[in-house]
Amino acid sequence: MDYSRHYQQLIAKHGYVTKPDDDNYYERHHVIPKSLGGSNKPDNLVYLTGKAHYVAHYLLFKMYGDGPMSTAFWNMSIANQTGNRRIPNGRSFETA
């Protein structure tokens, strides 16, 4: 599977330069992760829904494997805002 192509399509389809003014939950995402040389410049930041953000980190993990991307994906997968462990899925992020 071409994870890089899927990642690029996800960012193009679901990434917003400015936070949409609707009732959905959004998170900022570095298109090129800082650990891979990305910056905090506006052209490297997009808003994604919680579900799309989770999927983006899954794809980055599949693209780069062990290291910073696996740590980021693991952290998104095991902890909620209070640090409690949970069993995640895309639907739970969409609901949040």
Protein backbone atom coordinates (compact mmCIF):
# COMPACT_ATOMS: atom_id res chain seq x y z
CA MET A 1 0.00 0.00 0.00
CA ASP A 2 1.23 3.49 -0.83
CA TYR A 3 0.87 5.12 2.59
CA SER A 4 2.53 8.32 1.41
CA ARG A 5 -0.08 8.82 -1.31
CA HIS A 6 -2.90 8.15 1.16
CA TYR A 7 -1.36 10.63 3.62
CA GLN A 8 -1.11 13.32 0.94
CA GLN A 9 -4.71 12.70 -0.10
CA LEU A 10 -5.90 12.87 3.51
CA ILE A 11 -4.18 16.24 4.04
CA ALA A 12 -5.50 17.60 0.72
CA LYS A 13 -9.08 16.47 1.37
CA HIS A 14 -9.43 16.99 5.13
CA GLY A 15 -6.80 19.62 6.02
CA TYR A 16 -7.87 23.22 6.56
CA VAL A 17 -5.52 26.19 6.65
CA THR A 18 -7.87 28.04 9.00
CA LYS A 19 -10.02 26.39 11.63
CA PRO A 20 -13.53 25.90 10.24
CA ASP A 21 -16.27 27.73 12.09
CA ASP A 22 -18.58 24.80 12.66
CA ASP A 23 -19.50 22.47 15.51
CA ASN A 24 -16.79 19.88 14.76
CA TYR A 25 -13.72 19.23 16.88
CA TYR A 26 -10.37 20.12 15.21
CA GLU A 27 -6.71 19.69 16.08
CA ARG A 28 -3.60 21.35 14.58
CA HIS A 29 -1.33 19.01 12.65
CA HIS A 30 2.19 19.43 11.27
CA VAL A 31 2.08 18.19 7.66
CA ILE A 32 5.81 17.48 7.86
CA PRO A 33 6.36 16.48 11.50
CA LYS A 34 8.82 18.58 13.47
CA SER A 35 10.82 15.43 14.22
CA LEU A 36 11.34 15.06 10.45
CA GLY A 37 12.41 18.66 9.90
CA GLY A 38 9.01 20.33 9.69
CA SER A 39 8.41 23.81 11.04
CA ASN A 40 5.69 25.81 12.77
CA LYS A 41 5.24 27.95 9.66
CA PRO A 42 1.62 28.34 8.51
CA ASP A 43 2.25 26.43 5.27
CA ASN A 44 3.15 23.33 7.34
CA LEU A 45 0.13 23.46 9.66
CA VAL A 46 -3.41 22.32 8.98
CA TYR A 47 -6.52 21.71 11.02
CA LEU A 48 -7.87 18.17 10.98
CA THR A 49 -10.82 16.60 12.72
CA GLY A 50 -9.84 14.32 15.60
CA LYS A 51 -10.52 11.26 13.47
CA ALA A 52 -8.50 12.54 10.49
CA HIS A 53 -5.66 13.53 12.84
CA TYR A 54 -5.55 10.03 14.28
CA VAL A 55 -5.55 8.49 10.79
CA ALA A 56 -2.80 10.91 9.69
CA HIS A 57 -0.57 9.72 12.55
CA TYR A 58 -1.35 6.11 11.73
CA LEU A 59 -0.26 6.70 8.13
CA LEU A 60 2.90 8.49 9.28
CA PHE A 61 3.69 5.52 11.51
CA LYS A 62 3.19 3.13 8.58
CA MET A 63 5.43 5.34 6.41
CA TYR A 64 8.31 5.81 8.89
CA GLY A 65 7.99 2.90 11.33
CA ASP A 66 9.81 2.86 14.64
CA GLY A 67 11.04 6.11 16.11
CA PRO A 68 9.28 9.43 16.61
CA MET A 69 6.27 8.50 14.47
CA SER A 70 5.63 5.30 16.41
CA THR A 71 5.88 7.24 19.67
CA ALA A 72 3.42 9.88 18.47
CA PHE A 73 0.95 7.29 17.25
CA TRP A 74 1.29 5.23 20.43
CA ASN A 75 0.66 8.30 22.59
CA MET A 76 -2.44 9.19 20.59
CA SER A 77 -3.65 5.62 20.94
CA ILE A 78 -3.32 5.06 24.67
CA ALA A 79 -4.07 8.27 26.52
CA ASN A 80 -6.97 10.63 26.78
CA GLN A 81 -6.75 14.18 28.14
CA THR A 82 -6.50 12.94 31.73
CA GLY A 83 -3.76 10.44 30.87
CA ASN A 84 -6.02 7.42 31.35
CA ARG A 85 -5.48 4.48 29.03
CA ARG A 86 -8.24 3.58 26.64
CA ILE A 87 -8.85 1.36 23.65
CA PRO A 88 -9.11 3.78 20.71
CA ASN A 89 -10.77 3.63 17.37
CA GLY A 90 -11.54 6.15 14.67
CA ARG A 91 -15.18 6.33 15.68
CA SER A 92 -14.30 7.48 19.21
CA PHE A 93 -12.27 10.37 17.76
CA GLU A 94 -15.12 11.27 15.43
CA THR A 95 -17.55 11.28 18.36
CA ALA A 96 -15.26 13.49 20.45
